[in-house]
Amino acid sequence: LLRGEGRGVHRARNRGIEEARGEVLLFTDDDT
């Protein structure tokens, strides 16, 4: 669980990029 800044989906995705450990990053949305 990572805490975003409440400033929109693109910033939330970038927070995930900063913290991710993998070499290939997969993105999806919570309604998929």
PDB file of all heavy atoms in Angstrom:
ATOM      1  N   LEU A   1       0.847  -1.193   0.000  1.00  0.00           N
ATOM      2  CA  LEU A   1       0.000   0.000   0.000  1.00  0.00           C
ATOM      3  C   LEU A   1       0.880   1.240   0.000  1.00  0.00           C
ATOM      4  O   LEU A   1       1.726   1.421   0.887  1.00  0.00           O
ATOM      5  CB  LEU A   1      -0.908  -0.002   1.232  1.00  0.00           C
ATOM      6  CG  LEU A   1      -1.709   1.275   1.496  1.00  0.00           C
ATOM      7  CD1 LEU A   1      -2.671   1.558   0.350  1.00  0.00           C
ATOM      8  CD2 LEU A   1      -2.459   1.161   2.821  1.00  0.00           C
ATOM      9  N   LEU A   2       0.682   2.083  -1.008  1.00  0.00           N
ATOM     10  CA  LEU A   2       1.395   3.348  -1.105  1.00  0.00           C
ATOM     11  C   LEU A   2       0.395   4.482  -0.980  1.00  0.00           C
ATOM     12  O   LEU A   2      -0.740   4.380  -1.450  1.00  0.00           O
ATOM     13  CB  LEU A   2       2.129   3.464  -2.443  1.00  0.00           C
ATOM     14  CG  LEU A   2       3.093   2.327  -2.805  1.00  0.00           C
ATOM     15  CD1 LEU A   2       3.662   2.554  -4.201  1.00  0.00           C
ATOM     16  CD2 LEU A   2       4.210   2.222  -1.783  1.00  0.00           C
ATOM     17  N   ARG A   3       0.808   5.563  -0.384  1.00  0.00           N
ATOM     18  CA  ARG A   3      -0.045   6.729  -0.233  1.00  0.00           C
ATOM     19  C   ARG A   3       0.233   7.726  -1.358  1.00  0.00           C
ATOM     20  O   ARG A   3       1.364   8.177  -1.525  1.00  0.00           O
ATOM     21  CB  ARG A   3       0.206   7.399   1.120  1.00  0.00           C
ATOM     22  CG  ARG A   3      -0.214   6.551   2.306  1.00  0.00           C
ATOM     23  CD  ARG A   3      -1.723   6.420   2.375  1.00  0.00           C
ATOM     24  NE  ARG A   3      -2.140   5.789   3.625  1.00  0.00           N
ATOM     25  CZ  ARG A   3      -3.399   5.599   3.958  1.00  0.00           C
ATOM     26  NH1 ARG A   3      -4.366   5.975   3.138  1.00  0.00           N
ATOM     27  NH2 ARG A   3      -3.712   5.017   5.102  1.00  0.00           N
ATOM     28  N   GLY A   4      -0.810   8.050  -2.111  1.00  0.00           N
ATOM     29  CA  GLY A   4      -0.690   9.100  -3.112  1.00  0.00           C
ATOM     30  C   GLY A   4      -0.983  10.447  -2.489  1.00  0.00           C
ATOM     31  O   GLY A   4      -1.294  10.567  -1.301  1.00  0.00           O
ATOM     32  N   GLU A   5      -0.903  11.477  -3.318  1.00  0.00           N
ATOM     33  CA  GLU A   5      -1.093  12.841  -2.832  1.00  0.00           C
ATOM     34  C   GLU A   5      -2.512  13.348  -3.068  1.00  0.00           C
ATOM     35  O   GLU A   5      -2.805  14.504  -2.768  1.00  0.00           O
ATOM     36  CB  GLU A   5      -0.098  13.773  -3.531  1.00  0.00           C
ATOM     37  CG  GLU A   5       1.367  13.395  -3.297  1.00  0.00           C
ATOM     38  CD  GLU A   5       2.324  14.248  -4.106  1.00  0.00           C
ATOM     39  OE1 GLU A   5       1.844  15.019  -4.970  1.00  0.00           O
ATOM     40  OE2 GLU A   5       3.534  14.144  -3.876  1.00  0.00           O
ATOM     41  N   GLY A   6      -3.389  12.514  -3.620  1.00  0.00           N
ATOM     42  CA  GLY A   6      -4.731  12.969  -3.924  1.00  0.00           C
ATOM     43  C   GLY A   6      -4.774  13.968  -5.051  1.00  0.00           C
ATOM     44  O   GLY A   6      -5.653  14.839  -5.090  1.00  0.00           O
ATOM     45  N   ARG A   7      -3.855  13.851  -5.999  1.00  0.00           N
ATOM     46  CA  ARG A   7      -3.740  14.849  -7.077  1.00  0.00           C
ATOM     47  C   ARG A   7      -3.926  14.239  -8.462  1.00  0.00           C
ATOM     48  O   ARG A   7      -3.544  14.846  -9.450  1.00  0.00           O
ATOM     49  CB  ARG A   7      -2.383  15.544  -6.987  1.00  0.00           C
ATOM     50  CG  ARG A   7      -2.167  16.293  -5.675  1.00  0.00           C
ATOM     51  CD  ARG A   7      -0.770  16.845  -5.588  1.00  0.00           C
ATOM     52  NE  ARG A   7      -0.497  17.812  -6.638  1.00  0.00           N
ATOM     53  CZ  ARG A   7       0.725  18.235  -6.969  1.00  0.00           C
ATOM     54  NH1 ARG A   7       1.788  17.734  -6.339  1.00  0.00           N
ATOM     55  NH2 ARG A   7       0.901  19.112  -7.923  1.00  0.00           N
ATOM     56  N   GLY A   8      -4.521  13.068  -8.554  1.00  0.00           N
ATOM     57  CA  GLY A   8      -4.853  12.530  -9.865  1.00  0.00           C
ATOM     58  C   GLY A   8      -4.106  11.266 -10.226  1.00  0.00           C
ATOM     59  O   GLY A   8      -3.078  10.914  -9.630  1.00  0.00           O
ATOM     60  N   VAL A   9      -4.662  10.583 -11.252  1.00  0.00           N
ATOM     61  CA  VAL A   9      -4.196   9.237 -11.563  1.00  0.00           C
ATOM     62  C   VAL A   9      -2.770   9.234 -12.099  1.00  0.00           C
ATOM     63  O   VAL A   9      -2.006   8.310 -11.817  1.00  0.00           O
ATOM     64  CB  VAL A   9      -5.166   8.569 -12.563  1.00  0.00           C
ATOM     65  CG1 VAL A   9      -5.165   9.275 -13.914  1.00  0.00           C
ATOM     66  CG2 VAL A   9      -4.840   7.092 -12.732  1.00  0.00           C
ATOM     67  N   HIS A  10      -2.361  10.248 -12.867  1.00  0.00           N
ATOM     68  CA  HIS A  10      -1.012  10.188 -13.426  1.00  0.00           C
ATOM     69  C   HIS A  10       0.043  10.321 -12.333  1.00  0.00           C
ATOM     70  O   HIS A  10       1.086   9.656 -12.383  1.00  0.00           O
ATOM     71  CB  HIS A  10      -0.822  11.237 -14.530  1.00  0.00           C
ATOM     72  CG  HIS A  10      -0.854  12.658 -14.089  1.00  0.00           C
ATOM     73  ND1 HIS A  10      -1.988  13.286 -13.636  1.00  0.00           N
ATOM     74  CD2 HIS A  10       0.132  13.594 -14.047  1.00  0.00           C
ATOM     75  CE1 HIS A  10      -1.716  14.535 -13.339  1.00  0.00           C
ATOM     76  NE2 HIS A  10      -0.438  14.754 -13.573  1.00  0.00           N
ATOM     77  N   ARG A  11      -0.217  11.117 -11.314  1.00  0.00           N
ATOM     78  CA  ARG A  11       0.735  11.217 -10.204  1.00  0.00           C
ATOM     79  C   ARG A  11       0.738   9.933  -9.374  1.00  0.00           C
ATOM     80  O   ARG A  11       1.778   9.528  -8.855  1.00  0.00           O
ATOM     81  CB  ARG A  11       0.402  12.430  -9.353  1.00  0.00           C
ATOM     82  CG  ARG A  11       0.701  13.761 -10.057  1.00  0.00           C
ATOM     83  CD  ARG A  11       0.488  14.930  -9.122  1.00  0.00           C
ATOM     84  NE  ARG A  11       0.894  16.183  -9.739  1.00  0.00           N
ATOM     85  CZ  ARG A  11       0.082  16.979 -10.436  1.00  0.00           C
ATOM     86  NH1 ARG A  11      -1.201  16.619 -10.593  1.00  0.00           N
ATOM     87  NH2 ARG A  11       0.513  18.100 -10.968  1.00  0.00           N
ATOM     88  N   ALA A  12      -0.430   9.301  -9.243  1.00  0.00           N
ATOM     89  CA  ALA A  12      -0.482   8.026  -8.524  1.00  0.00           C
ATOM     90  C   ALA A  12       0.326   6.965  -9.259  1.00  0.00           C
ATOM     91  O   ALA A  12       1.062   6.179  -8.647  1.00  0.00           O
ATOM     92  CB  ALA A  12      -1.929   7.584  -8.356  1.00  0.00           C
ATOM     93  N   ARG A  13       0.198   6.919 -10.581  1.00  0.00           N
ATOM     94  CA  ARG A  13       0.983   5.959 -11.352  1.00  0.00           C
ATOM     95  C   ARG A  13       2.477   6.226 -11.206  1.00  0.00           C
ATOM     96  O   ARG A  13       3.290   5.293 -11.095  1.00  0.00           O
ATOM     97  CB  ARG A  13       0.572   6.011 -12.822  1.00  0.00           C
ATOM     98  CG  ARG A  13      -0.804   5.396 -13.089  1.00  0.00           C
ATOM     99  CD  ARG A  13      -1.287   5.692 -14.484  1.00  0.00           C
ATOM    100  NE  ARG A  13      -2.543   4.988 -14.781  1.00  0.00           N
ATOM    101  CZ  ARG A  13      -3.422   5.377 -15.689  1.00  0.00           C
ATOM    102  NH1 ARG A  13      -3.196   6.476 -16.410  1.00  0.00           N
ATOM    103  NH2 ARG A  13      -4.523   4.682 -15.889  1.00  0.00           N
ATOM    104  N   ASN A  14       2.861   7.494 -11.204  1.00  0.00           N
ATOM    105  CA  ASN A  14       4.279   7.823 -11.049  1.00  0.00           C
ATOM    106  C   ASN A  14       4.804   7.441  -9.673  1.00  0.00           C
ATOM    107  O   ASN A  14       5.969   7.051  -9.534  1.00  0.00           O
ATOM    108  CB  ASN A  14       4.494   9.320 -11.298  1.00  0.00           C
ATOM    109  CG  ASN A  14       4.363   9.680 -12.767  1.00  0.00           C
ATOM    110  OD1 ASN A  14       4.551   8.841 -13.636  1.00  0.00           O
ATOM    111  ND2 ASN A  14       4.024  10.927 -13.048  1.00  0.00           N
ATOM    112  N   ARG A  15       3.958   7.524  -8.653  1.00  0.00           N
ATOM    113  CA  ARG A  15       4.388   7.071  -7.326  1.00  0.00           C
ATOM    114  C   ARG A  15       4.681   5.574  -7.362  1.00  0.00           C
ATOM    115  O   ARG A  15       5.642   5.093  -6.757  1.00  0.00           O
ATOM    116  CB  ARG A  15       3.291   7.373  -6.303  1.00  0.00           C
ATOM    117  CG  ARG A  15       3.629   6.897  -4.888  1.00  0.00           C
ATOM    118  CD  ARG A  15       4.772   7.715  -4.289  1.00  0.00           C
ATOM    119  NE  ARG A  15       5.360   7.030  -3.133  1.00  0.00           N
ATOM    120  CZ  ARG A  15       4.799   6.928  -1.931  1.00  0.00           C
ATOM    121  NH1 ARG A  15       3.603   7.472  -1.718  1.00  0.00           N
ATOM    122  NH2 ARG A  15       5.419   6.315  -0.954  1.00  0.00           N
ATOM    123  N   GLY A  16       3.856   4.827  -8.080  1.00  0.00           N
ATOM    124  CA  GLY A  16       4.112   3.405  -8.237  1.00  0.00           C
ATOM    125  C   GLY A  16       5.426   3.135  -8.946  1.00  0.00           C
ATOM    126  O   GLY A  16       6.171   2.220  -8.573  1.00  0.00           O
ATOM    127  N   ILE A  17       5.724   3.926  -9.968  1.00  0.00           N
ATOM    128  CA  ILE A  17       6.995   3.775 -10.688  1.00  0.00           C
ATOM    129  C   ILE A  17       8.172   3.987  -9.732  1.00  0.00           C
ATOM    130  O   ILE A  17       9.162   3.235  -9.753  1.00  0.00           O
ATOM    131  CB  ILE A  17       7.061   4.765 -11.866  1.00  0.00           C
ATOM    132  CG1 ILE A  17       6.070   4.368 -12.953  1.00  0.00           C
ATOM    133  CG2 ILE A  17       8.481   4.843 -12.436  1.00  0.00           C
ATOM    134  CD1 ILE A  17       5.923   5.401 -14.064  1.00  0.00           C
ATOM    135  N   GLU A  18       8.081   4.999  -8.889  1.00  0.00           N
ATOM    136  CA  GLU A  18       9.169   5.308  -7.962  1.00  0.00           C
ATOM    137  C   GLU A  18       9.443   4.158  -6.993  1.00  0.00           C
ATOM    138  O   GLU A  18      10.587   3.913  -6.611  1.00  0.00           O
ATOM    139  CB  GLU A  18       8.821   6.570  -7.166  1.00  0.00           C
ATOM    140  CG  GLU A  18       8.765   7.836  -7.997  1.00  0.00           C
ATOM    141  CD  GLU A  18       8.181   9.001  -7.207  1.00  0.00           C
ATOM    142  OE1 GLU A  18       7.871   8.799  -5.999  1.00  0.00           O
ATOM    143  OE2 GLU A  18       8.027  10.091  -7.776  1.00  0.00           O
ATOM    144  N   GLU A  19       8.392   3.463  -6.597  1.00  0.00           N
ATOM    145  CA  GLU A  19       8.531   2.442  -5.547  1.00  0.00           C
ATOM    146  C   GLU A  19       8.678   1.019  -6.080  1.00  0.00           C
ATOM    147  O   GLU A  19       9.055   0.109  -5.329  1.00  0.00           O
ATOM    148  CB  GLU A  19       7.301   2.500  -4.635  1.00  0.00           C
ATOM    149  CG  GLU A  19       7.130   3.813  -3.906  1.00  0.00           C
ATOM    150  CD  GLU A  19       8.162   4.019  -2.820  1.00  0.00           C
ATOM    151  OE1 GLU A  19       8.768   3.014  -2.383  1.00  0.00           O
ATOM    152  OE2 GLU A  19       8.377   5.177  -2.406  1.00  0.00           O
ATOM    153  N   ALA A  20       8.377   0.790  -7.351  1.00  0.00           N
ATOM    154  CA  ALA A  20       8.345  -0.578  -7.888  1.00  0.00           C
ATOM    155  C   ALA A  20       9.738  -1.209  -7.895  1.00  0.00           C
ATOM    156  O   ALA A  20      10.751  -0.538  -8.116  1.00  0.00           O
ATOM    157  CB  ALA A  20       7.775  -0.563  -9.300  1.00  0.00           C
ATOM    158  N   ARG A  21       9.766  -2.517  -7.686  1.00  0.00           N
ATOM    159  CA  ARG A  21      11.028  -3.263  -7.660  1.00  0.00           C
ATOM    160  C   ARG A  21      11.297  -4.018  -8.955  1.00  0.00           C
ATOM    161  O   ARG A  21      12.427  -4.423  -9.211  1.00  0.00           O
ATOM    162  CB  ARG A  21      11.002  -4.260  -6.501  1.00  0.00           C
ATOM    163  CG  ARG A  21      10.786  -3.625  -5.132  1.00  0.00           C
ATOM    164  CD  ARG A  21      10.933  -4.664  -4.032  1.00  0.00           C
ATOM    165  NE  ARG A  21      10.672  -4.095  -2.709  1.00  0.00           N
ATOM    166  CZ  ARG A  21       9.642  -4.406  -1.950  1.00  0.00           C
ATOM    167  NH1 ARG A  21       8.750  -5.295  -2.391  1.00  0.00           N
ATOM    168  NH2 ARG A  21       9.475  -3.866  -0.761  1.00  0.00           N
ATOM    169  N   GLY A  22      10.274  -4.253  -9.758  1.00  0.00           N
ATOM    170  CA  GLY A  22      10.433  -5.062 -10.953  1.00  0.00           C
ATOM    171  C   GLY A  22      11.069  -4.316 -12.106  1.00  0.00           C
ATOM    172  O   GLY A  22      11.105  -3.089 -12.132  1.00  0.00           O
ATOM    173  N   GLU A  23      11.556  -5.056 -13.079  1.00  0.00           N
ATOM    174  CA  GLU A  23      12.151  -4.459 -14.272  1.00  0.00           C
ATOM    175  C   GLU A  23      11.117  -4.138 -15.334  1.00  0.00           C
ATOM    176  O   GLU A  23      11.325  -3.261 -16.171  1.00  0.00           O
ATOM    177  CB  GLU A  23      13.221  -5.395 -14.848  1.00  0.00           C
ATOM    178  CG  GLU A  23      14.422  -5.589 -13.942  1.00  0.00           C
ATOM    179  CD  GLU A  23      15.107  -4.278 -13.593  1.00  0.00           C
ATOM    180  OE1 GLU A  23      15.288  -3.450 -14.492  1.00  0.00           O
ATOM    181  OE2 GLU A  23      15.439  -4.090 -12.402  1.00  0.00           O
ATOM    182  N   VAL A  24      10.003  -4.867 -15.323  1.00  0.00           N
ATOM    183  CA  VAL A  24       8.879  -4.576 -16.211  1.00  0.00           C
ATOM    184  C   VAL A  24       7.689  -4.208 -15.339  1.00  0.00           C
ATOM    185  O   VAL A  24       7.337  -4.943 -14.412  1.00  0.00           O
ATOM    186  CB  VAL A  24       8.531  -5.780 -17.112  1.00  0.00           C
ATOM    187  CG1 VAL A  24       7.267  -5.502 -17.924  1.00  0.00           C
ATOM    188  CG2 VAL A  24       9.698  -6.085 -18.048  1.00  0.00           C
ATOM    189  N   LEU A  25       7.086  -3.068 -15.613  1.00  0.00           N
ATOM    190  CA  LEU A  25       5.982  -2.552 -14.808  1.00  0.00           C
ATOM    191  C   LEU A  25       4.677  -2.729 -15.565  1.00  0.00           C
ATOM    192  O   LEU A  25       4.572  -2.349 -16.732  1.00  0.00           O
ATOM    193  CB  LEU A  25       6.199  -1.069 -14.506  1.00  0.00           C
ATOM    194  CG  LEU A  25       7.571  -0.678 -13.953  1.00  0.00           C
ATOM    195  CD1 LEU A  25       7.614   0.811 -13.668  1.00  0.00           C
ATOM    196  CD2 LEU A  25       7.901  -1.466 -12.690  1.00  0.00           C
ATOM    197  N   LEU A  26       3.681  -3.312 -14.906  1.00  0.00           N
ATOM    198  CA  LEU A  26       2.354  -3.487 -15.488  1.00  0.00           C
ATOM    199  C   LEU A  26       1.380  -2.586 -14.747  1.00  0.00           C
ATOM    200  O   LEU A  26       1.377  -2.556 -13.505  1.00  0.00           O
ATOM    201  CB  LEU A  26       1.890  -4.943 -15.380  1.00  0.00           C
ATOM    202  CG  LEU A  26       2.423  -5.933 -16.421  1.00  0.00           C
ATOM    203  CD1 LEU A  26       3.903  -6.171 -16.239  1.00  0.00           C
ATOM    204  CD2 LEU A  26       1.668  -7.253 -16.329  1.00  0.00           C
ATOM    205  N   PHE A  27       0.554  -1.886 -15.504  1.00  0.00           N
ATOM    206  CA  PHE A  27      -0.423  -0.968 -14.934  1.00  0.00           C
ATOM    207  C   PHE A  27      -1.826  -1.431 -15.293  1.00  0.00           C
ATOM    208  O   PHE A  27      -2.094  -1.855 -16.423  1.00  0.00           O
ATOM    209  CB  PHE A  27      -0.221   0.449 -15.479  1.00  0.00           C
ATOM    210  CG  PHE A  27       1.102   1.059 -15.135  1.00  0.00           C
ATOM    211  CD1 PHE A  27       2.215   0.813 -15.931  1.00  0.00           C
ATOM    212  CD2 PHE A  27       1.244   1.867 -14.021  1.00  0.00           C
ATOM    213  CE1 PHE A  27       3.453   1.365 -15.618  1.00  0.00           C
ATOM    214  CE2 PHE A  27       2.487   2.422 -13.700  1.00  0.00           C
ATOM    215  CZ  PHE A  27       3.582   2.168 -14.500  1.00  0.00           C
ATOM    216  N   THR A  28      -2.722  -1.326 -14.327  1.00  0.00           N
ATOM    217  CA  THR A  28      -4.145  -1.514 -14.610  1.00  0.00           C
ATOM    218  C   THR A  28      -4.918  -0.611 -13.668  1.00  0.00           C
ATOM    219  O   THR A  28      -4.337   0.062 -12.801  1.00  0.00           O
ATOM    220  CB  THR A  28      -4.567  -2.986 -14.485  1.00  0.00           C
ATOM    221  OG1 THR A  28      -5.865  -3.152 -15.050  1.00  0.00           O
ATOM    222  CG2 THR A  28      -4.562  -3.450 -13.035  1.00  0.00           C
ATOM    223  N   ASP A  29      -6.243  -0.550 -13.830  1.00  0.00           N
ATOM    224  CA  ASP A  29      -7.083   0.311 -13.016  1.00  0.00           C
ATOM    225  C   ASP A  29      -7.916  -0.507 -12.051  1.00  0.00           C
ATOM    226  O   ASP A  29      -8.112  -1.719 -12.244  1.00  0.00           O
ATOM    227  CB  ASP A  29      -7.993   1.158 -13.909  1.00  0.00           C
ATOM    228  CG  ASP A  29      -7.231   2.227 -14.671  1.00  0.00           C
ATOM    229  OD1 ASP A  29      -6.082   2.518 -14.304  1.00  0.00           O
ATOM    230  OD2 ASP A  29      -7.795   2.774 -15.646  1.00  0.00           O
ATOM    231  N   ASP A  30      -8.449   0.154 -11.047  1.00  0.00           N
ATOM    232  CA  ASP A  30      -9.186  -0.575 -10.010  1.00  0.00           C
ATOM    233  C   ASP A  30     -10.539  -1.092 -10.475  1.00  0.00           C
ATOM    234  O   ASP A  30     -11.144  -1.931  -9.803  1.00  0.00           O
ATOM    235  CB  ASP A  30      -9.352   0.285  -8.756  1.00  0.00           C
ATOM    236  CG  ASP A  30     -10.045   1.612  -9.020  1.00  0.00           C
ATOM    237  OD1 ASP A  30     -10.589   1.809 -10.126  1.00  0.00           O
ATOM    238  OD2 ASP A  30     -10.059   2.459  -8.106  1.00  0.00           O
ATOM    239  N   ASP A  31     -11.023  -0.625 -11.623  1.00  0.00           N
ATOM    240  CA  ASP A  31     -12.306  -1.123 -12.130  1.00  0.00           C
ATOM    241  C   ASP A  31     -12.144  -2.146 -13.244  1.00  0.00           C
ATOM    242  O   ASP A  31     -13.057  -2.388 -14.017  1.00  0.00           O
ATOM    243  CB  ASP A  31     -13.208   0.025 -12.596  1.00  0.00           C
ATOM    244  CG  ASP A  31     -12.548   0.939 -13.623  1.00  0.00           C
ATOM    245  OD1 ASP A  31     -11.390   0.671 -14.001  1.00  0.00           O
ATOM    246  OD2 ASP A  31     -13.191   1.919 -14.030  1.00  0.00           O
ATOM    247  N   THR A  32     -10.962  -2.759 -13.332  1.00  0.00           N
ATOM    248  CA  THR A  32     -10.735  -3.813 -14.325  1.00  0.00           C
ATOM    249  C   THR A  32     -10.678  -5.176 -13.646  1.00  0.00           C
ATOM    250  O   THR A  32     -10.441  -5.295 -12.439  1.00  0.00           O
ATOM    251  CB  THR A  32      -9.421  -3.609 -15.100  1.00  0.00           C
ATOM    252  OG1 THR A  32      -8.323  -3.741 -14.198  1.00  0.00           O
ATOM    253  CG2 THR A  32      -9.388  -2.256 -15.779  1.00  0.00           C
TER     254      THR A  32
END
